[in-house]
Amino acid sequence: MNETQRKLIRATEQLLCEAGLARVTTRKIAQAAGISEGALYHHFRDKAELLDAVVQDKLVNFQEVLESLPLLVGQNTVSENLERMLERAYQTQIQIVPFISLPFADQELMIRSREILKEREACPANKIAALTAYLRAEQRLERLAADIDTEAAAKLLLASTFHAATLDLFFAPDVTPEHVRLQIKATVQVVMKGLQPRATANALPNRM
C-alpha cells in the first residue's frame, strides 16, 4: 500500500465517521486526501472499494494473530491462548462494526461489497477455518476433548466477540478493558467446560 492509498483510506474513514455514508462522495474523499478525483480512481474503482480498504486496514492486526495460532499449539493453556486471541478479535470488531454495517443501508453498496469480497476470496469462513485448525491441533494433543465439534466451537467463540463488540459500541462505548477481559474469560470458560452437567460422586450408581 502506497502513501496515496493510505491518505485516501484515512480520509474515507474520517468522513464516514463525521458525515455518514449518504453524504460522503468520492469527490469529497479526494479533496480531503489532497488529490484529484481522477487520481482517486487510479487506486480505487469506487466508494465500495474504499470502504473495503478501511475495513481491511483495521483487520491486519487480527489477521496476524490468526496466522500466529499454529505457533501456540501446545503452548500456555488453551484457555489463555483463546482469551488473548478473542481480546484482539474484540478490539478489531469494535473498530470495524461501524463500517461493515454501512452496506445494509444501501442495496447497491451491499451488492458491490459482496463482489469485492468474492474477488478477494475473503469471508468470515476463512477466520473460522483458522481457529478451527488451531482447535483441532490442540485436540490431537489431547488438550481438548476428542468428541467436541471444533468448527462449532470456533464459530461460537468468534461470534461472541462480534456480538459483545456490537452491543458495547451501541450501549456502553466507555466500557473498560478490564470489563472486556473478564467478559471474554467467562465466555472461554463456558465453552471449555461445556454446558452439560458433570457426573458427581453422589450421582454415581450404588454398586455395593
C-alpha atoms as a PDB file:
ATOM      1  CA  MET A   1       0.000   0.000   0.000  1.00  0.00           C
ATOM      2  CA  ASN A   2       1.450   3.365  -1.025  1.00  0.00           C
ATOM      3  CA  GLU A   3       1.131   6.719   0.739  1.00  0.00           C
ATOM      4  CA  THR A   4      -1.637   7.996  -1.532  1.00  0.00           C
ATOM      5  CA  GLN A   5      -3.752   4.937  -0.772  1.00  0.00           C
ATOM      6  CA  ARG A   6      -3.163   5.434   2.934  1.00  0.00           C
ATOM      7  CA  LYS A   7      -4.297   9.060   2.663  1.00  0.00           C
ATOM      8  CA  LEU A   8      -7.440   8.002   0.845  1.00  0.00           C
ATOM      9  CA  ILE A   9      -8.233   5.338   3.424  1.00  0.00           C
ATOM     10  CA  ARG A  10      -7.746   7.764   6.307  1.00  0.00           C
ATOM     11  CA  ALA A  11      -9.878  10.395   4.557  1.00  0.00           C
ATOM     12  CA  THR A  12     -12.642   7.861   3.873  1.00  0.00           C
ATOM     13  CA  GLU A  13     -12.704   6.721   7.489  1.00  0.00           C
ATOM     14  CA  GLN A  14     -12.781  10.269   8.840  1.00  0.00           C
ATOM     15  CA  LEU A  15     -15.544  11.446   6.502  1.00  0.00           C
ATOM     16  CA  LEU A  16     -17.702   8.375   7.113  1.00  0.00           C
ATOM     17  CA  CYS A  17     -17.452   8.938  10.857  1.00  0.00           C
ATOM     18  CA  GLU A  18     -18.212  12.650  10.578  1.00  0.00           C
ATOM     19  CA  ALA A  19     -20.813  12.826   7.803  1.00  0.00           C
ATOM     20  CA  GLY A  20     -22.204   9.340   7.266  1.00  0.00           C
ATOM     21  CA  LEU A  21     -22.412   7.233   4.141  1.00  0.00           C
ATOM     22  CA  ALA A  22     -25.049   9.241   2.249  1.00  0.00           C
ATOM     23  CA  ARG A  23     -23.073  12.486   2.391  1.00  0.00           C
ATOM     24  CA  VAL A  24     -19.691  11.055   1.510  1.00  0.00           C
ATOM     25  CA  THR A  25     -18.732  11.124  -2.178  1.00  0.00           C
ATOM     26  CA  THR A  26     -15.522  10.130  -3.906  1.00  0.00           C
ATOM     27  CA  ARG A  27     -15.014  13.814  -4.752  1.00  0.00           C
ATOM     28  CA  LYS A  28     -15.116  14.764  -1.062  1.00  0.00           C
ATOM     29  CA  ILE A  29     -12.790  11.906  -0.197  1.00  0.00           C
ATOM     30  CA  ALA A  30     -10.306  13.005  -2.852  1.00  0.00           C
ATOM     31  CA  GLN A  31     -10.437  16.607  -1.618  1.00  0.00           C
ATOM     32  CA  ALA A  32      -9.869  15.519   1.981  1.00  0.00           C
ATOM     33  CA  ALA A  33      -6.893  13.429   0.867  1.00  0.00           C
ATOM     34  CA  GLY A  34      -5.469  16.328  -1.130  1.00  0.00           C
ATOM     35  CA  ILE A  35      -5.627  14.683  -4.533  1.00  0.00           C
ATOM     36  CA  SER A  36      -7.822  14.917  -7.633  1.00  0.00           C
ATOM     37  CA  GLU A  37     -10.881  12.701  -8.041  1.00  0.00           C
ATOM     38  CA  GLY A  38      -9.282  11.258 -11.171  1.00  0.00           C
ATOM     39  CA  ALA A  39      -6.244  10.226  -9.151  1.00  0.00           C
ATOM     40  CA  LEU A  40      -8.512   8.513  -6.646  1.00  0.00           C
ATOM     41  CA  TYR A  41      -9.903   6.239  -9.365  1.00  0.00           C
ATOM     42  CA  HIS A  42      -6.355   5.222 -10.226  1.00  0.00           C
ATOM     43  CA  HIS A  43      -6.207   3.492  -6.824  1.00  0.00           C
ATOM     44  CA  PHE A  44      -9.837   2.578  -6.049  1.00  0.00           C
ATOM     45  CA  ARG A  45     -12.632   1.863  -8.502  1.00  0.00           C
ATOM     46  CA  ASP A  46     -15.453   3.204  -6.316  1.00  0.00           C
ATOM     47  CA  LYS A  47     -16.625   4.054  -2.810  1.00  0.00           C
ATOM     48  CA  ALA A  48     -17.218   0.383  -2.073  1.00  0.00           C
ATOM     49  CA  GLU A  49     -13.534  -0.399  -2.609  1.00  0.00           C
ATOM     50  CA  LEU A  50     -12.598   2.481  -0.339  1.00  0.00           C
ATOM     51  CA  LEU A  51     -14.914   1.198   2.368  1.00  0.00           C
ATOM     52  CA  ASP A  52     -13.468  -2.285   1.977  1.00  0.00           C
ATOM     53  CA  ALA A  53      -9.956  -0.855   2.267  1.00  0.00           C
ATOM     54  CA  VAL A  54     -10.872   0.873   5.535  1.00  0.00           C
ATOM     55  CA  VAL A  55     -12.104  -2.420   6.976  1.00  0.00           C
ATOM     56  CA  GLN A  56      -9.147  -4.440   5.689  1.00  0.00           C
ATOM     57  CA  ASP A  57      -6.729  -1.914   7.167  1.00  0.00           C
ATOM     58  CA  LYS A  58      -8.258  -2.498  10.593  1.00  0.00           C
ATOM     59  CA  LEU A  59      -8.224  -6.278  10.176  1.00  0.00           C
ATOM     60  CA  VAL A  60      -4.458  -6.505   9.705  1.00  0.00           C
ATOM     61  CA  ASN A  61      -3.586  -6.966  13.383  1.00  0.00           C
ATOM     62  CA  PHE A  62      -6.241  -9.617  13.929  1.00  0.00           C
ATOM     63  CA  GLN A  63      -5.149 -11.469  10.816  1.00  0.00           C
ATOM     64  CA  GLU A  64      -1.622 -11.565  12.219  1.00  0.00           C
ATOM     65  CA  VAL A  65      -2.979 -13.115  15.418  1.00  0.00           C
ATOM     66  CA  LEU A  66      -4.819 -15.807  13.454  1.00  0.00           C
ATOM     67  CA  GLU A  67      -1.703 -16.584  11.445  1.00  0.00           C
ATOM     68  CA  SER A  68       0.299 -16.981  14.664  1.00  0.00           C
ATOM     69  CA  LEU A  69      -2.102 -19.550  16.153  1.00  0.00           C
ATOM     70  CA  PRO A  70      -0.128 -22.577  14.849  1.00  0.00           C
ATOM     71  CA  LEU A  71       2.836 -21.375  16.928  1.00  0.00           C
ATOM     72  CA  LEU A  72       0.719 -21.543  20.089  1.00  0.00           C
ATOM     73  CA  VAL A  73      -0.296 -25.176  19.722  1.00  0.00           C
ATOM     74  CA  GLY A  74       0.813 -26.979  22.875  1.00  0.00           C
ATOM     75  CA  GLN A  75       1.958 -23.724  24.476  1.00  0.00           C
ATOM     76  CA  ASN A  76       0.490 -21.977  27.572  1.00  0.00           C
ATOM     77  CA  THR A  77      -3.023 -23.274  28.199  1.00  0.00           C
ATOM     78  CA  VAL A  78      -5.722 -23.464  25.552  1.00  0.00           C
ATOM     79  CA  SER A  79      -7.853 -21.067  27.605  1.00  0.00           C
ATOM     80  CA  GLU A  80      -5.057 -18.500  27.780  1.00  0.00           C
ATOM     81  CA  ASN A  81      -4.452 -18.706  24.038  1.00  0.00           C
ATOM     82  CA  LEU A  82      -8.147 -18.321  23.262  1.00  0.00           C
ATOM     83  CA  GLU A  83      -8.567 -15.391  25.639  1.00  0.00           C
ATOM     84  CA  ARG A  84      -5.694 -13.476  24.036  1.00  0.00           C
ATOM     85  CA  MET A  85      -6.973 -14.194  20.557  1.00  0.00           C
ATOM     86  CA  LEU A  86     -10.521 -13.151  21.440  1.00  0.00           C
ATOM     87  CA  GLU A  87      -9.335  -9.928  23.090  1.00  0.00           C
ATOM     88  CA  ARG A  88      -7.684  -8.974  19.801  1.00  0.00           C
ATOM     89  CA  ALA A  89     -10.807 -10.066  17.923  1.00  0.00           C
ATOM     90  CA  TYR A  90     -12.948  -7.841  20.134  1.00  0.00           C
ATOM     91  CA  GLN A  91     -10.637  -4.861  19.658  1.00  0.00           C
ATOM     92  CA  THR A  92     -10.826  -5.335  15.905  1.00  0.00           C
ATOM     93  CA  GLN A  93     -14.575  -5.882  15.827  1.00  0.00           C
ATOM     94  CA  ILE A  94     -15.355  -2.743  17.789  1.00  0.00           C
ATOM     95  CA  GLN A  95     -13.365  -0.760  15.217  1.00  0.00           C
ATOM     96  CA  ILE A  96     -14.952  -2.260  12.116  1.00  0.00           C
ATOM     97  CA  VAL A  97     -18.601  -2.626  13.197  1.00  0.00           C
ATOM     98  CA  PRO A  98     -19.484   0.977  12.207  1.00  0.00           C
ATOM     99  CA  PHE A  99     -18.104   0.350   8.703  1.00  0.00           C
ATOM    100  CA  ILE A 100     -19.273  -3.185   7.944  1.00  0.00           C
ATOM    101  CA  SER A 101     -22.786  -2.096   8.926  1.00  0.00           C
ATOM    102  CA  LEU A 102     -22.952   0.619   6.259  1.00  0.00           C
ATOM    103  CA  PRO A 103     -23.787  -1.588   3.246  1.00  0.00           C
ATOM    104  CA  PHE A 104     -27.011  -2.703   4.943  1.00  0.00           C
ATOM    105  CA  ALA A 105     -28.371   0.804   4.372  1.00  0.00           C
ATOM    106  CA  ASP A 106     -27.529   0.850   0.653  1.00  0.00           C
ATOM    107  CA  GLN A 107     -28.537  -2.074  -1.564  1.00  0.00           C
ATOM    108  CA  GLU A 108     -26.201  -1.068  -4.384  1.00  0.00           C
ATOM    109  CA  LEU A 109     -23.296  -0.811  -1.978  1.00  0.00           C
ATOM    110  CA  MET A 110     -24.217  -4.187  -0.488  1.00  0.00           C
ATOM    111  CA  ILE A 111     -24.108  -5.894  -3.890  1.00  0.00           C
ATOM    112  CA  ARG A 112     -20.812  -4.237  -4.775  1.00  0.00           C
ATOM    113  CA  SER A 113     -19.301  -5.127  -1.404  1.00  0.00           C
ATOM    114  CA  ARG A 114     -20.180  -8.786  -1.944  1.00  0.00           C
ATOM    115  CA  GLU A 115     -18.492  -8.669  -5.338  1.00  0.00           C
ATOM    116  CA  ILE A 116     -15.318  -7.256  -3.811  1.00  0.00           C
ATOM    117  CA  LEU A 117     -15.213  -9.955  -1.124  1.00  0.00           C
ATOM    118  CA  LYS A 118     -15.691 -12.665  -3.746  1.00  0.00           C
ATOM    119  CA  GLU A 119     -12.897 -11.189  -5.872  1.00  0.00           C
ATOM    120  CA  ARG A 120     -10.536 -11.306  -2.915  1.00  0.00           C
ATOM    121  CA  GLU A 121     -11.893 -14.660  -1.752  1.00  0.00           C
ATOM    122  CA  ALA A 122     -12.323 -13.069   1.653  1.00  0.00           C
ATOM    123  CA  CYS A 123     -15.095 -14.061   4.028  1.00  0.00           C
ATOM    124  CA  PRO A 124     -15.627 -14.822   7.740  1.00  0.00           C
ATOM    125  CA  ALA A 125     -15.286 -18.519   6.936  1.00  0.00           C
ATOM    126  CA  ASN A 126     -11.535 -18.021   6.489  1.00  0.00           C
ATOM    127  CA  LYS A 127     -11.197 -16.785  10.059  1.00  0.00           C
ATOM    128  CA  ILE A 128     -13.368 -19.599  11.364  1.00  0.00           C
ATOM    129  CA  ALA A 129     -11.199 -22.089   9.474  1.00  0.00           C
ATOM    130  CA  ALA A 130      -8.017 -20.693  11.030  1.00  0.00           C
ATOM    131  CA  LEU A 131      -9.377 -21.011  14.558  1.00  0.00           C
ATOM    132  CA  THR A 132     -10.845 -24.438  13.807  1.00  0.00           C
ATOM    133  CA  ALA A 133      -7.428 -25.644  12.630  1.00  0.00           C
ATOM    134  CA  TYR A 134      -5.878 -24.460  15.892  1.00  0.00           C
ATOM    135  CA  LEU A 135      -8.529 -26.210  17.998  1.00  0.00           C
ATOM    136  CA  ARG A 136      -8.096 -29.445  16.037  1.00  0.00           C
ATOM    137  CA  ALA A 137      -4.352 -29.303  16.576  1.00  0.00           C
ATOM    138  CA  GLU A 138      -4.883 -28.939  20.325  1.00  0.00           C
ATOM    139  CA  GLN A 139      -7.409 -31.770  20.124  1.00  0.00           C
ATOM    140  CA  ARG A 140      -4.773 -34.056  18.594  1.00  0.00           C
ATOM    141  CA  LEU A 141      -2.521 -33.246  21.545  1.00  0.00           C
ATOM    142  CA  GLU A 142      -5.396 -34.265  23.829  1.00  0.00           C
ATOM    143  CA  ARG A 143      -5.591 -30.796  25.314  1.00  0.00           C
ATOM    144  CA  LEU A 144      -9.231 -30.690  24.174  1.00  0.00           C
ATOM    145  CA  ALA A 145     -11.891 -33.373  24.351  1.00  0.00           C
ATOM    146  CA  ALA A 146     -11.826 -35.737  21.386  1.00  0.00           C
ATOM    147  CA  ASP A 147     -15.578 -35.535  20.812  1.00  0.00           C
ATOM    148  CA  ILE A 148     -16.055 -31.750  20.524  1.00  0.00           C
ATOM    149  CA  ASP A 149     -17.062 -30.134  17.247  1.00  0.00           C
ATOM    150  CA  THR A 150     -14.107 -27.784  16.761  1.00  0.00           C
ATOM    151  CA  GLU A 151     -15.741 -25.829  13.948  1.00  0.00           C
ATOM    152  CA  ALA A 152     -18.849 -25.175  16.026  1.00  0.00           C
ATOM    153  CA  ALA A 153     -16.636 -24.069  18.924  1.00  0.00           C
ATOM    154  CA  ALA A 154     -14.704 -21.701  16.643  1.00  0.00           C
ATOM    155  CA  LYS A 155     -17.940 -20.163  15.351  1.00  0.00           C
ATOM    156  CA  LEU A 156     -19.272 -19.667  18.873  1.00  0.00           C
ATOM    157  CA  LEU A 157     -16.074 -18.036  20.097  1.00  0.00           C
ATOM    158  CA  LEU A 158     -15.740 -15.604  17.196  1.00  0.00           C
ATOM    159  CA  ALA A 159     -19.459 -14.809  17.165  1.00  0.00           C
ATOM    160  CA  SER A 160     -19.295 -13.960  20.861  1.00  0.00           C
ATOM    161  CA  THR A 161     -16.758 -11.185  20.226  1.00  0.00           C
ATOM    162  CA  PHE A 162     -18.786  -9.724  17.364  1.00  0.00           C
ATOM    163  CA  HIS A 163     -21.932  -9.722  19.497  1.00  0.00           C
ATOM    164  CA  ALA A 164     -20.156  -8.217  22.510  1.00  0.00           C
ATOM    165  CA  ALA A 165     -18.401  -5.539  20.455  1.00  0.00           C
ATOM    166  CA  THR A 166     -21.632  -4.540  18.710  1.00  0.00           C
ATOM    167  CA  LEU A 167     -23.580  -4.225  21.961  1.00  0.00           C
ATOM    168  CA  ASP A 168     -20.767  -2.401  23.756  1.00  0.00           C
ATOM    169  CA  LEU A 169     -20.334   0.040  20.897  1.00  0.00           C
ATOM    170  CA  PHE A 170     -24.039   0.872  20.952  1.00  0.00           C
ATOM    171  CA  PHE A 171     -24.869   0.725  24.655  1.00  0.00           C
ATOM    172  CA  ALA A 172     -21.557   1.029  26.516  1.00  0.00           C
ATOM    173  CA  PRO A 173     -18.991   2.990  24.460  1.00  0.00           C
ATOM    174  CA  ASP A 174     -16.961   3.692  27.624  1.00  0.00           C
ATOM    175  CA  VAL A 175     -16.564   0.042  28.586  1.00  0.00           C
ATOM    176  CA  THR A 176     -13.236  -0.626  30.316  1.00  0.00           C
ATOM    177  CA  PRO A 177     -10.574  -3.045  29.058  1.00  0.00           C
ATOM    178  CA  GLU A 178     -10.905  -4.959  32.339  1.00  0.00           C
ATOM    179  CA  HIS A 179     -14.626  -5.484  31.736  1.00  0.00           C
ATOM    180  CA  VAL A 180     -13.871  -6.786  28.239  1.00  0.00           C
ATOM    181  CA  ARG A 181     -11.162  -9.110  29.536  1.00  0.00           C
ATOM    182  CA  LEU A 182     -13.430 -10.599  32.208  1.00  0.00           C
ATOM    183  CA  GLN A 183     -16.283 -10.975  29.735  1.00  0.00           C
ATOM    184  CA  ILE A 184     -14.061 -12.870  27.312  1.00  0.00           C
ATOM    185  CA  LYS A 185     -12.603 -15.006  30.085  1.00  0.00           C
ATOM    186  CA  ALA A 186     -16.114 -16.033  31.164  1.00  0.00           C
ATOM    187  CA  THR A 187     -17.041 -16.913  27.573  1.00  0.00           C
ATOM    188  CA  VAL A 188     -13.961 -19.092  27.129  1.00  0.00           C
ATOM    189  CA  GLN A 189     -14.636 -20.860  30.432  1.00  0.00           C
ATOM    190  CA  VAL A 190     -18.179 -21.711  29.366  1.00  0.00           C
ATOM    191  CA  VAL A 191     -17.015 -23.106  26.031  1.00  0.00           C
ATOM    192  CA  MET A 192     -14.150 -25.034  27.596  1.00  0.00           C
ATOM    193  CA  LYS A 193     -16.308 -26.567  30.305  1.00  0.00           C
ATOM    194  CA  GLY A 194     -19.372 -27.202  28.183  1.00  0.00           C
ATOM    195  CA  LEU A 195     -22.966 -26.829  29.269  1.00  0.00           C
ATOM    196  CA  GLN A 196     -23.809 -30.383  30.258  1.00  0.00           C
ATOM    197  CA  PRO A 197     -23.798 -31.264  33.970  1.00  0.00           C
ATOM    198  CA  ARG A 198     -20.896 -33.392  35.102  1.00  0.00           C
ATOM    199  CA  ALA A 199     -21.355 -36.640  36.990  1.00  0.00           C
ATOM    200  CA  THR A 200     -20.660 -36.353  40.705  1.00  0.00           C
ATOM    201  CA  ALA A 201     -19.858 -38.912  43.333  1.00  0.00           C
ATOM    202  CA  ASN A 202     -23.423 -38.632  44.672  1.00  0.00           C
ATOM    203  CA  ALA A 203     -24.859 -39.235  41.217  1.00  0.00           C
ATOM    204  CA  LEU A 204     -22.961 -42.473  40.631  1.00  0.00           C
ATOM    205  CA  PRO A 205     -24.992 -45.682  40.940  1.00  0.00           C
ATOM    206  CA  ASN A 206     -24.572 -47.653  44.142  1.00  0.00           C
ATOM    207  CA  ARG A 207     -22.576 -50.790  43.329  1.00  0.00           C
ATOM    208  CA  MET A 208     -22.246 -52.060  46.869  1.00  0.00           C
END
